């Protein structure tokens, strides 16, 4: 049983009219629920997805605008940022929801390891391109979807693309999810004085299309890897989307940034290897966060002066 609020309960009583919120990955799962609930509460929601027909079908009946976004292509990311910038006079929240998990080895269109390239680098570039709009709309928020999976591995700044050593789908996922937290930490450091706060979110285990690559063997491996940290339990989508919606709009988080959030609360450090909640030290280390930023700029071929 889920002990916290659903996404709809999080926005109950909030009037989001006048707010503009961009959400990535709105063709299924948590992205659809987040976009739907935020739009229902009055926000102007711009949803980004690779498959726009699928997104339209999933969001039927919701007042959500759509723009194309393929996170495996830096050219598509740049086009998406330009489209959002052109459409929206202001941007109050960027919710980086899209992602992939434990997929077979692959590469993005720009040659990056698929999970790191999609989950981190695509969102890194999109976010940085939209920062001027967020700053101009401050107070504003950035929400990066991470995962308990960040406990599986720290980022590898020397070999982000598995050029050396054997590829491991779960280790690659862990690296990308650690990167999502580190990105929020460094974003918040750079932008908080200008009124933009950034947080990372673990939504919980949810059976969505994120797990489309998971074979029974992969699921068994996931359970085995997390066995020492307690059983893997699953939420439904309305409760899975709650923490990211809370991070995006709740007055409870006004002025809060650089945090890891789960179960609609600010999380604490994981106590030890057996912890079933909390975050690892490697995911919030400010020096690693700065180094990841530098590497990310190098990989996307652009530096950002903020």
C-alpha atoms as a PDB file:
ATOM      1  CA  UNK A   1       0.000   0.000   0.000  1.00  0.00           C
ATOM      2  CA  UNK A   2       1.263   3.487  -0.841  1.00  0.00           C
ATOM      3  CA  UNK A   3       1.455   5.716   2.214  1.00  0.00           C
ATOM      4  CA  UNK A   4       1.734   9.086   0.499  1.00  0.00           C
ATOM      5  CA  UNK A   5      -0.451  11.335  -1.638  1.00  0.00           C
ATOM      6  CA  UNK A   6      -1.252  10.755  -5.297  1.00  0.00           C
ATOM      7  CA  UNK A   7      -0.353  13.330  -7.940  1.00  0.00           C
ATOM      8  CA  UNK A   8      -3.907  14.658  -7.983  1.00  0.00           C
ATOM      9  CA  UNK A   9      -3.889  14.951  -4.202  1.00  0.00           C
ATOM     10  CA  UNK A  10      -0.610  16.890  -4.394  1.00  0.00           C
ATOM     11  CA  UNK A  11      -2.186  19.601  -6.588  1.00  0.00           C
ATOM     12  CA  UNK A  12      -5.531  19.648  -4.779  1.00  0.00           C
ATOM     13  CA  UNK A  13      -6.363  23.240  -3.933  1.00  0.00           C
ATOM     14  CA  UNK A  14      -3.573  24.702  -6.076  1.00  0.00           C
ATOM     15  CA  UNK A  15      -4.385  27.184  -8.837  1.00  0.00           C
ATOM     16  CA  UNK A  16      -1.649  26.916 -11.464  1.00  0.00           C
ATOM     17  CA  UNK A  17      -3.182  29.355 -13.925  1.00  0.00           C
ATOM     18  CA  UNK A  18      -0.480  31.608 -15.335  1.00  0.00           C
ATOM     19  CA  UNK A  19       2.213  28.947 -14.918  1.00  0.00           C
ATOM     20  CA  UNK A  20       3.919  27.309 -17.903  1.00  0.00           C
ATOM     21  CA  UNK A  21       5.407  23.865 -17.363  1.00  0.00           C
ATOM     22  CA  UNK A  22       7.393  21.761 -19.833  1.00  0.00           C
ATOM     23  CA  UNK A  23       7.400  17.987 -19.331  1.00  0.00           C
ATOM     24  CA  UNK A  24       9.504  15.494 -21.287  1.00  0.00           C
ATOM     25  CA  UNK A  25       8.346  11.954 -22.033  1.00  0.00           C
ATOM     26  CA  UNK A  26       4.600  12.483 -22.246  1.00  0.00           C
ATOM     27  CA  UNK A  27       3.677   9.492 -24.387  1.00  0.00           C
ATOM     28  CA  UNK A  28       3.224   7.061 -21.482  1.00  0.00           C
ATOM     29  CA  UNK A  29       3.472   6.451 -17.754  1.00  0.00           C
ATOM     30  CA  UNK A  30       4.543   9.131 -15.314  1.00  0.00           C
ATOM     31  CA  UNK A  31       4.928  11.799 -17.977  1.00  0.00           C
ATOM     32  CA  UNK A  32       1.325  11.437 -19.090  1.00  0.00           C
ATOM     33  CA  UNK A  33       0.009  11.499 -15.526  1.00  0.00           C
ATOM     34  CA  UNK A  34       2.152  14.491 -14.567  1.00  0.00           C
ATOM     35  CA  UNK A  35       1.159  16.494 -17.648  1.00  0.00           C
ATOM     36  CA  UNK A  36      -2.508  15.619 -17.223  1.00  0.00           C
ATOM     37  CA  UNK A  37      -2.655  16.553 -13.534  1.00  0.00           C
ATOM     38  CA  UNK A  38      -0.719  19.805 -13.966  1.00  0.00           C
ATOM     39  CA  UNK A  39      -2.904  20.884 -16.883  1.00  0.00           C
ATOM     40  CA  UNK A  40      -6.035  20.017 -14.940  1.00  0.00           C
ATOM     41  CA  UNK A  41      -4.826  22.318 -12.153  1.00  0.00           C
ATOM     42  CA  UNK A  42      -4.670  25.197 -14.625  1.00  0.00           C
ATOM     43  CA  UNK A  43      -1.065  25.232 -15.851  1.00  0.00           C
ATOM     44  CA  UNK A  44      -0.148  25.643 -19.482  1.00  0.00           C
ATOM     45  CA  UNK A  45       1.673  22.375 -20.143  1.00  0.00           C
ATOM     46  CA  UNK A  46       3.999  21.814 -23.076  1.00  0.00           C
ATOM     47  CA  UNK A  47       4.732  18.124 -23.435  1.00  0.00           C
ATOM     48  CA  UNK A  48       7.699  16.750 -25.359  1.00  0.00           C
ATOM     49  CA  UNK A  49       7.775  13.264 -26.841  1.00  0.00           C
ATOM     50  CA  UNK A  50       9.418  11.297 -29.627  1.00  0.00           C
ATOM     51  CA  UNK A  51       6.164   9.696 -30.795  1.00  0.00           C
ATOM     52  CA  UNK A  52       3.637  12.514 -31.022  1.00  0.00           C
ATOM     53  CA  UNK A  53       0.794  10.287 -32.232  1.00  0.00           C
ATOM     54  CA  UNK A  54       1.231   8.066 -29.198  1.00  0.00           C
ATOM     55  CA  UNK A  55       1.383  11.126 -26.937  1.00  0.00           C
ATOM     56  CA  UNK A  56      -1.820  12.551 -28.437  1.00  0.00           C
ATOM     57  CA  UNK A  57      -3.622   9.279 -27.837  1.00  0.00           C
ATOM     58  CA  UNK A  58      -2.309   8.989 -24.273  1.00  0.00           C
ATOM     59  CA  UNK A  59      -3.287  12.592 -23.449  1.00  0.00           C
ATOM     60  CA  UNK A  60      -6.677  12.566 -25.174  1.00  0.00           C
ATOM     61  CA  UNK A  61      -9.008  14.878 -23.299  1.00  0.00           C
ATOM     62  CA  UNK A  62      -6.155  16.826 -21.709  1.00  0.00           C
ATOM     63  CA  UNK A  63      -5.205  20.356 -22.702  1.00  0.00           C
ATOM     64  CA  UNK A  64      -1.497  19.632 -23.272  1.00  0.00           C
ATOM     65  CA  UNK A  65       0.474  21.137 -26.169  1.00  0.00           C
ATOM     66  CA  UNK A  66       3.011  18.885 -27.853  1.00  0.00           C
ATOM     67  CA  UNK A  67       6.454  19.367 -29.345  1.00  0.00           C
ATOM     68  CA  UNK A  68       8.749  16.681 -30.793  1.00  0.00           C
ATOM     69  CA  UNK A  69      11.791  15.530 -28.821  1.00  0.00           C
ATOM     70  CA  UNK A  70      14.180  12.673 -29.443  1.00  0.00           C
ATOM     71  CA  UNK A  71      16.664  12.681 -26.579  1.00  0.00           C
ATOM     72  CA  UNK A  72      19.006  10.408 -28.510  1.00  0.00           C
ATOM     73  CA  UNK A  73      19.661  13.246 -30.967  1.00  0.00           C
ATOM     74  CA  UNK A  74      21.322  16.495 -29.912  1.00  0.00           C
ATOM     75  CA  UNK A  75      19.906  18.121 -33.048  1.00  0.00           C
ATOM     76  CA  UNK A  76      16.396  17.146 -31.956  1.00  0.00           C
ATOM     77  CA  UNK A  77      17.078  18.433 -28.442  1.00  0.00           C
ATOM     78  CA  UNK A  78      18.167  21.793 -29.830  1.00  0.00           C
ATOM     79  CA  UNK A  79      15.078  21.972 -32.041  1.00  0.00           C
ATOM     80  CA  UNK A  80      12.822  21.139 -29.085  1.00  0.00           C
ATOM     81  CA  UNK A  81      14.393  23.844 -26.921  1.00  0.00           C
ATOM     82  CA  UNK A  82      13.924  26.360 -29.735  1.00  0.00           C
ATOM     83  CA  UNK A  83      10.274  25.317 -30.154  1.00  0.00           C
ATOM     84  CA  UNK A  84       9.536  25.713 -26.437  1.00  0.00           C
ATOM     85  CA  UNK A  85      11.366  29.041 -26.353  1.00  0.00           C
ATOM     86  CA  UNK A  86       9.351  30.309 -29.313  1.00  0.00           C
ATOM     87  CA  UNK A  87       5.991  29.117 -28.016  1.00  0.00           C
ATOM     88  CA  UNK A  88       6.269  30.116 -24.379  1.00  0.00           C
ATOM     89  CA  UNK A  89       6.736  33.722 -23.221  1.00  0.00           C
ATOM     90  CA  UNK A  90       7.688  32.265 -19.824  1.00  0.00           C
ATOM     91  CA  UNK A  91       8.735  28.925 -18.355  1.00  0.00           C
ATOM     92  CA  UNK A  92       8.105  28.290 -14.676  1.00  0.00           C
ATOM     93  CA  UNK A  93       9.000  24.606 -14.454  1.00  0.00           C
ATOM     94  CA  UNK A  94      11.006  22.132 -16.509  1.00  0.00           C
ATOM     95  CA  UNK A  95      10.205  18.541 -15.572  1.00  0.00           C
ATOM     96  CA  UNK A  96      12.814  16.202 -17.063  1.00  0.00           C
ATOM     97  CA  UNK A  97      10.748  13.034 -16.855  1.00  0.00           C
ATOM     98  CA  UNK A  98      11.713  10.974 -19.920  1.00  0.00           C
ATOM     99  CA  UNK A  99      14.154   8.097 -19.714  1.00  0.00           C
ATOM    100  CA  UNK A 100      15.107   4.525 -20.536  1.00  0.00           C
ATOM    101  CA  UNK A 101      16.174   1.684 -18.260  1.00  0.00           C
ATOM    102  CA  UNK A 102      18.509  -1.311 -18.465  1.00  0.00           C
ATOM    103  CA  UNK A 103      18.398  -1.560 -22.229  1.00  0.00           C
ATOM    104  CA  UNK A 104      20.756  -3.646 -24.352  1.00  0.00           C
ATOM    105  CA  UNK A 105      23.958  -1.911 -25.346  1.00  0.00           C
ATOM    106  CA  UNK A 106      23.347   0.824 -27.900  1.00  0.00           C
ATOM    107  CA  UNK A 107      24.407   4.290 -28.924  1.00  0.00           C
ATOM    108  CA  UNK A 108      22.629   7.587 -29.477  1.00  0.00           C
ATOM    109  CA  UNK A 109      22.720   9.267 -32.858  1.00  0.00           C
ATOM    110  CA  UNK A 110      25.728  11.236 -31.613  1.00  0.00           C
ATOM    111  CA  UNK A 111      27.590   8.123 -30.467  1.00  0.00           C
ATOM    112  CA  UNK A 112      27.031   8.225 -26.706  1.00  0.00           C
ATOM    113  CA  UNK A 113      26.186   5.152 -24.638  1.00  0.00           C
ATOM    114  CA  UNK A 114      22.416   4.991 -24.938  1.00  0.00           C
ATOM    115  CA  UNK A 115      21.361   5.304 -21.287  1.00  0.00           C
ATOM    116  CA  UNK A 116      23.864   8.018 -20.346  1.00  0.00           C
ATOM    117  CA  UNK A 117      23.164   9.858 -23.589  1.00  0.00           C
ATOM    118  CA  UNK A 118      19.385   9.711 -23.247  1.00  0.00           C
ATOM    119  CA  UNK A 119      18.848  10.036 -19.516  1.00  0.00           C
ATOM    120  CA  UNK A 120      21.554  12.597 -18.819  1.00  0.00           C
ATOM    121  CA  UNK A 121      23.138  14.288 -21.846  1.00  0.00           C
ATOM    122  CA  UNK A 122      19.880  14.915 -23.717  1.00  0.00           C
ATOM    123  CA  UNK A 123      18.318  16.511 -20.663  1.00  0.00           C
ATOM    124  CA  UNK A 124      21.543  18.361 -19.843  1.00  0.00           C
ATOM    125  CA  UNK A 125      21.487  20.123 -23.201  1.00  0.00           C
ATOM    126  CA  UNK A 126      17.734  20.753 -23.191  1.00  0.00           C
ATOM    127  CA  UNK A 127      17.861  22.231 -19.696  1.00  0.00           C
ATOM    128  CA  UNK A 128      20.864  24.454 -20.319  1.00  0.00           C
ATOM    129  CA  UNK A 129      19.298  25.838 -23.495  1.00  0.00           C
ATOM    130  CA  UNK A 130      16.128  26.693 -21.552  1.00  0.00           C
ATOM    131  CA  UNK A 131      17.862  28.210 -18.510  1.00  0.00           C
ATOM    132  CA  UNK A 132      17.582  31.810 -19.820  1.00  0.00           C
ATOM    133  CA  UNK A 133      13.809  31.381 -20.088  1.00  0.00           C
ATOM    134  CA  UNK A 134      13.621  29.890 -16.580  1.00  0.00           C
ATOM    135  CA  UNK A 135      15.753  32.682 -15.110  1.00  0.00           C
ATOM    136  CA  UNK A 136      13.572  35.308 -16.793  1.00  0.00           C
ATOM    137  CA  UNK A 137      10.509  33.638 -15.224  1.00  0.00           C
ATOM    138  CA  UNK A 138      11.986  33.213 -11.737  1.00  0.00           C
ATOM    139  CA  UNK A 139      11.117  31.922  -9.256  1.00  0.00           C
ATOM    140  CA  UNK A 140      11.302  28.766 -11.331  1.00  0.00           C
ATOM    141  CA  UNK A 141      12.076  25.082 -10.834  1.00  0.00           C
ATOM    142  CA  UNK A 142      13.884  22.244 -12.572  1.00  0.00           C
ATOM    143  CA  UNK A 143      13.044  18.643 -11.689  1.00  0.00           C
ATOM    144  CA  UNK A 144      15.271  15.756 -12.778  1.00  0.00           C
ATOM    145  CA  UNK A 145      13.837  12.267 -12.592  1.00  0.00           C
ATOM    146  CA  UNK A 146      16.404   9.952 -11.038  1.00  0.00           C
ATOM    147  CA  UNK A 147      15.898   6.549  -9.418  1.00  0.00           C
ATOM    148  CA  UNK A 148      16.834   4.330  -6.550  1.00  0.00           C
ATOM    149  CA  UNK A 149      18.901   2.747  -9.306  1.00  0.00           C
ATOM    150  CA  UNK A 150      21.540   5.433  -8.723  1.00  0.00           C
ATOM    151  CA  UNK A 151      22.687   3.252  -5.816  1.00  0.00           C
ATOM    152  CA  UNK A 152      23.924   0.703  -8.356  1.00  0.00           C
ATOM    153  CA  UNK A 153      26.788   2.811  -9.660  1.00  0.00           C
ATOM    154  CA  UNK A 154      28.527   6.155  -9.469  1.00  0.00           C
ATOM    155  CA  UNK A 155      29.223   8.029 -12.685  1.00  0.00           C
ATOM    156  CA  UNK A 156      32.391   7.103 -14.530  1.00  0.00           C
ATOM    157  CA  UNK A 157      33.907  10.380 -15.669  1.00  0.00           C
ATOM    158  CA  UNK A 158      36.818   8.613 -17.375  1.00  0.00           C
ATOM    159  CA  UNK A 159      34.747   6.134 -19.389  1.00  0.00           C
ATOM    160  CA  UNK A 160      31.142   7.380 -19.685  1.00  0.00           C
ATOM    161  CA  UNK A 161      30.487   5.397 -22.859  1.00  0.00           C
ATOM    162  CA  UNK A 162      31.856   1.986 -21.803  1.00  0.00           C
ATOM    163  CA  UNK A 163      34.679   2.283 -24.301  1.00  0.00           C
ATOM    164  CA  UNK A 164      36.691   0.103 -21.947  1.00  0.00           C
ATOM    165  CA  UNK A 165      35.386  -2.958 -20.152  1.00  0.00           C
ATOM    166  CA  UNK A 166      32.205  -4.948 -20.615  1.00  0.00           C
ATOM    167  CA  UNK A 167      28.850  -3.223 -20.848  1.00  0.00           C
ATOM    168  CA  UNK A 168      26.452  -3.920 -17.989  1.00  0.00           C
ATOM    169  CA  UNK A 169      22.872  -2.704 -18.458  1.00  0.00           C
ATOM    170  CA  UNK A 170      22.170  -2.120 -14.776  1.00  0.00           C
ATOM    171  CA  UNK A 171      25.500  -0.431 -14.093  1.00  0.00           C
ATOM    172  CA  UNK A 172      24.884   1.845 -17.090  1.00  0.00           C
ATOM    173  CA  UNK A 173      21.446   2.672 -15.733  1.00  0.00           C
ATOM    174  CA  UNK A 174      22.922   3.423 -12.305  1.00  0.00           C
ATOM    175  CA  UNK A 175      25.505   5.739 -13.835  1.00  0.00           C
ATOM    176  CA  UNK A 176      22.857   7.682 -15.722  1.00  0.00           C
ATOM    177  CA  UNK A 177      20.631   8.012 -12.669  1.00  0.00           C
ATOM    178  CA  UNK A 178      23.546   9.190 -10.523  1.00  0.00           C
ATOM    179  CA  UNK A 179      24.212  11.749 -13.233  1.00  0.00           C
ATOM    180  CA  UNK A 180      20.618  12.990 -12.953  1.00  0.00           C
ATOM    181  CA  UNK A 181      21.106  13.746  -9.254  1.00  0.00           C
ATOM    182  CA  UNK A 182      24.530  15.323  -9.736  1.00  0.00           C
ATOM    183  CA  UNK A 183      23.132  17.511 -12.505  1.00  0.00           C
ATOM    184  CA  UNK A 184      20.429  18.812 -10.141  1.00  0.00           C
ATOM    185  CA  UNK A 185      23.050  19.528  -7.470  1.00  0.00           C
ATOM    186  CA  UNK A 186      25.210  21.583  -9.841  1.00  0.00           C
ATOM    187  CA  UNK A 187      22.236  23.314 -11.480  1.00  0.00           C
ATOM    188  CA  UNK A 188      20.993  24.413  -8.091  1.00  0.00           C
ATOM    189  CA  UNK A 189      24.421  25.726  -7.099  1.00  0.00           C
ATOM    190  CA  UNK A 190      24.692  27.756 -10.287  1.00  0.00           C
ATOM    191  CA  UNK A 191      21.139  29.092 -10.439  1.00  0.00           C
ATOM    192  CA  UNK A 192      19.748  29.463  -6.919  1.00  0.00           C
ATOM    193  CA  UNK A 193      20.962  33.063  -6.558  1.00  0.00           C
ATOM    194  CA  UNK A 194      18.937  33.865  -9.691  1.00  0.00           C
ATOM    195  CA  UNK A 195      15.744  32.305  -8.369  1.00  0.00           C
ATOM    196  CA  UNK A 196      15.858  28.899 -10.083  1.00  0.00           C
ATOM    197  CA  UNK A 197      15.973  25.810  -7.866  1.00  0.00           C
ATOM    198  CA  UNK A 198      16.656  22.244  -8.997  1.00  0.00           C
ATOM    199  CA  UNK A 199      15.877  18.919  -7.331  1.00  0.00           C
ATOM    200  CA  UNK A 200      16.117  15.231  -8.209  1.00  0.00           C
ATOM    201  CA  UNK A 201      13.305  12.741  -7.707  1.00  0.00           C
ATOM    202  CA  UNK A 202      13.043   9.008  -7.145  1.00  0.00           C
ATOM    203  CA  UNK A 203       9.437   8.189  -8.102  1.00  0.00           C
ATOM    204  CA  UNK A 204       9.491   4.627  -6.749  1.00  0.00           C
ATOM    205  CA  UNK A 205       9.112   1.372  -8.583  1.00  0.00           C
ATOM    206  CA  UNK A 206       6.300   1.666 -11.117  1.00  0.00           C
ATOM    207  CA  UNK A 207       5.318  -0.792 -13.820  1.00  0.00           C
ATOM    208  CA  UNK A 208       5.391   1.498 -16.856  1.00  0.00           C
ATOM    209  CA  UNK A 209       6.899   1.308 -20.336  1.00  0.00           C
ATOM    210  CA  UNK A 210      10.209   2.329 -18.769  1.00  0.00           C
ATOM    211  CA  UNK A 211      10.653  -1.373 -18.144  1.00  0.00           C
ATOM    212  CA  UNK A 212       9.964  -2.420 -21.723  1.00  0.00           C
ATOM    213  CA  UNK A 213      13.472  -3.865 -22.085  1.00  0.00           C
ATOM    214  CA  UNK A 214      13.186  -5.947 -18.918  1.00  0.00           C
ATOM    215  CA  UNK A 215      13.145  -9.658 -19.558  1.00  0.00           C
ATOM    216  CA  UNK A 216      12.225 -12.011 -16.718  1.00  0.00           C
ATOM    217  CA  UNK A 217      15.977 -12.561 -16.305  1.00  0.00           C
ATOM    218  CA  UNK A 218      16.611  -8.800 -16.054  1.00  0.00           C
ATOM    219  CA  UNK A 219      13.856  -8.412 -13.463  1.00  0.00           C
ATOM    220  CA  UNK A 220      15.328 -11.270 -11.445  1.00  0.00           C
ATOM    221  CA  UNK A 221      18.740  -9.595 -11.642  1.00  0.00           C
ATOM    222  CA  UNK A 222      17.250  -6.291 -10.471  1.00  0.00           C
ATOM    223  CA  UNK A 223      15.658  -7.952  -7.471  1.00  0.00           C
ATOM    224  CA  UNK A 224      18.913  -9.739  -6.656  1.00  0.00           C
ATOM    225  CA  UNK A 225      20.954  -6.536  -6.856  1.00  0.00           C
ATOM    226  CA  UNK A 226      18.599  -4.748  -4.514  1.00  0.00           C
ATOM    227  CA  UNK A 227      18.030  -7.736  -2.200  1.00  0.00           C
ATOM    228  CA  UNK A 228      20.341  -6.346   0.475  1.00  0.00           C
ATOM    229  CA  UNK A 229      18.356  -3.092   0.481  1.00  0.00           C
ATOM    230  CA  UNK A 230      14.960  -4.630   1.060  1.00  0.00           C
ATOM    231  CA  UNK A 231      12.267  -5.941  -1.294  1.00  0.00           C
ATOM    232  CA  UNK A 232      11.433  -4.142  -4.523  1.00  0.00           C
ATOM    233  CA  UNK A 233       7.829  -2.977  -4.313  1.00  0.00           C
ATOM    234  CA  UNK A 234       5.761  -1.211  -6.944  1.00  0.00           C
ATOM    235  CA  UNK A 235       3.408   1.777  -6.959  1.00  0.00           C
ATOM    236  CA  UNK A 236       0.616   2.629  -9.337  1.00  0.00           C
ATOM    237  CA  UNK A 237       1.147   5.506 -11.772  1.00  0.00           C
ATOM    238  CA  UNK A 238      -0.896   8.147  -9.857  1.00  0.00           C
ATOM    239  CA  UNK A 239       1.261   7.624  -6.771  1.00  0.00           C
ATOM    240  CA  UNK A 240       4.420   7.195  -8.813  1.00  0.00           C
ATOM    241  CA  UNK A 241       3.928  10.632 -10.388  1.00  0.00           C
ATOM    242  CA  UNK A 242       3.228  12.311  -7.058  1.00  0.00           C
ATOM    243  CA  UNK A 243       6.776  13.176  -6.016  1.00  0.00           C
ATOM    244  CA  UNK A 244       7.746  14.825  -9.298  1.00  0.00           C
ATOM    245  CA  UNK A 245       4.523  16.835  -9.357  1.00  0.00           C
ATOM    246  CA  UNK A 246       5.201  17.834  -5.743  1.00  0.00           C
ATOM    247  CA  UNK A 247       8.718  18.892  -6.715  1.00  0.00           C
ATOM    248  CA  UNK A 248       7.368  20.897  -9.631  1.00  0.00           C
ATOM    249  CA  UNK A 249       4.672  22.970  -7.949  1.00  0.00           C
ATOM    250  CA  UNK A 250       4.214  22.427  -4.223  1.00  0.00           C
ATOM    251  CA  UNK A 251       4.515  25.515  -2.014  1.00  0.00           C
ATOM    252  CA  UNK A 252       6.146  23.189   0.533  1.00  0.00           C
ATOM    253  CA  UNK A 253       9.317  23.266  -1.596  1.00  0.00           C
ATOM    254  CA  UNK A 254       9.526  27.004  -2.141  1.00  0.00           C
ATOM    255  CA  UNK A 255      13.191  27.976  -1.910  1.00  0.00           C
ATOM    256  CA  UNK A 256      14.348  24.343  -1.636  1.00  0.00           C
ATOM    257  CA  UNK A 257      16.941  22.954  -4.039  1.00  0.00           C
ATOM    258  CA  UNK A 258      19.800  20.548  -4.476  1.00  0.00           C
ATOM    259  CA  UNK A 259      17.824  17.775  -2.785  1.00  0.00           C
ATOM    260  CA  UNK A 260      16.875  14.181  -3.514  1.00  0.00           C
ATOM    261  CA  UNK A 261      13.144  13.596  -3.076  1.00  0.00           C
ATOM    262  CA  UNK A 262      11.148  10.391  -2.674  1.00  0.00           C
ATOM    263  CA  UNK A 263       7.702   9.429  -1.397  1.00  0.00           C
ATOM    264  CA  UNK A 264       6.634  13.105  -1.431  1.00  0.00           C
ATOM    265  CA  UNK A 265       9.296  14.107   1.066  1.00  0.00           C
ATOM    266  CA  UNK A 266      12.882  15.294   1.227  1.00  0.00           C
ATOM    267  CA  UNK A 267      15.024  12.203   1.562  1.00  0.00           C
ATOM    268  CA  UNK A 268      17.966  11.556   3.849  1.00  0.00           C
ATOM    269  CA  UNK A 269      21.302   9.886   3.075  1.00  0.00           C
ATOM    270  CA  UNK A 270      21.137   6.107   2.791  1.00  0.00           C
ATOM    271  CA  UNK A 271      22.330   4.747   6.130  1.00  0.00           C
ATOM    272  CA  UNK A 272      24.250   1.819   4.755  1.00  0.00           C
ATOM    273  CA  UNK A 273      24.258  -0.844   2.027  1.00  0.00           C
ATOM    274  CA  UNK A 274      21.020  -2.323   3.384  1.00  0.00           C
ATOM    275  CA  UNK A 275      19.023   0.939   3.234  1.00  0.00           C
ATOM    276  CA  UNK A 276      15.773   0.717   1.290  1.00  0.00           C
ATOM    277  CA  UNK A 277      15.578   4.497   0.834  1.00  0.00           C
ATOM    278  CA  UNK A 278      17.830   7.510   0.743  1.00  0.00           C
ATOM    279  CA  UNK A 279      20.647   8.625  -1.515  1.00  0.00           C
ATOM    280  CA  UNK A 280      24.264   7.633  -1.958  1.00  0.00           C
ATOM    281  CA  UNK A 281      27.072  10.065  -1.182  1.00  0.00           C
ATOM    282  CA  UNK A 282      28.456   9.710  -4.701  1.00  0.00           C
ATOM    283  CA  UNK A 283      25.273  11.225  -6.150  1.00  0.00           C
ATOM    284  CA  UNK A 284      25.403  14.491  -4.214  1.00  0.00           C
ATOM    285  CA  UNK A 285      29.143  15.166  -4.092  1.00  0.00           C
ATOM    286  CA  UNK A 286      29.555  18.796  -5.239  1.00  0.00           C
ATOM    287  CA  UNK A 287      33.012  18.253  -6.722  1.00  0.00           C
ATOM    288  CA  UNK A 288      31.849  15.271  -8.788  1.00  0.00           C
ATOM    289  CA  UNK A 289      28.858  17.376  -9.868  1.00  0.00           C
ATOM    290  CA  UNK A 290      31.176  20.121 -11.128  1.00  0.00           C
ATOM    291  CA  UNK A 291      33.345  17.603 -12.982  1.00  0.00           C
ATOM    292  CA  UNK A 292      30.290  15.994 -14.585  1.00  0.00           C
ATOM    293  CA  UNK A 293      29.142  19.431 -15.754  1.00  0.00           C
ATOM    294  CA  UNK A 294      32.498  20.057 -17.433  1.00  0.00           C
ATOM    295  CA  UNK A 295      32.435  16.642 -19.102  1.00  0.00           C
ATOM    296  CA  UNK A 296      28.838  17.149 -20.257  1.00  0.00           C
ATOM    297  CA  UNK A 297      29.656  20.483 -21.850  1.00  0.00           C
ATOM    298  CA  UNK A 298      32.536  18.847 -23.693  1.00  0.00           C
ATOM    299  CA  UNK A 299      30.360  15.988 -24.930  1.00  0.00           C
ATOM    300  CA  UNK A 300      27.492  18.169 -26.187  1.00  0.00           C
ATOM    301  CA  UNK A 301      29.936  20.647 -27.696  1.00  0.00           C
ATOM    302  CA  UNK A 302      28.709  23.765 -25.936  1.00  0.00           C
ATOM    303  CA  UNK A 303      29.607  25.705 -22.796  1.00  0.00           C
ATOM    304  CA  UNK A 304      27.093  27.641 -20.720  1.00  0.00           C
ATOM    305  CA  UNK A 305      27.939  30.835 -18.896  1.00  0.00           C
ATOM    306  CA  UNK A 306      25.696  30.654 -15.865  1.00  0.00           C
END
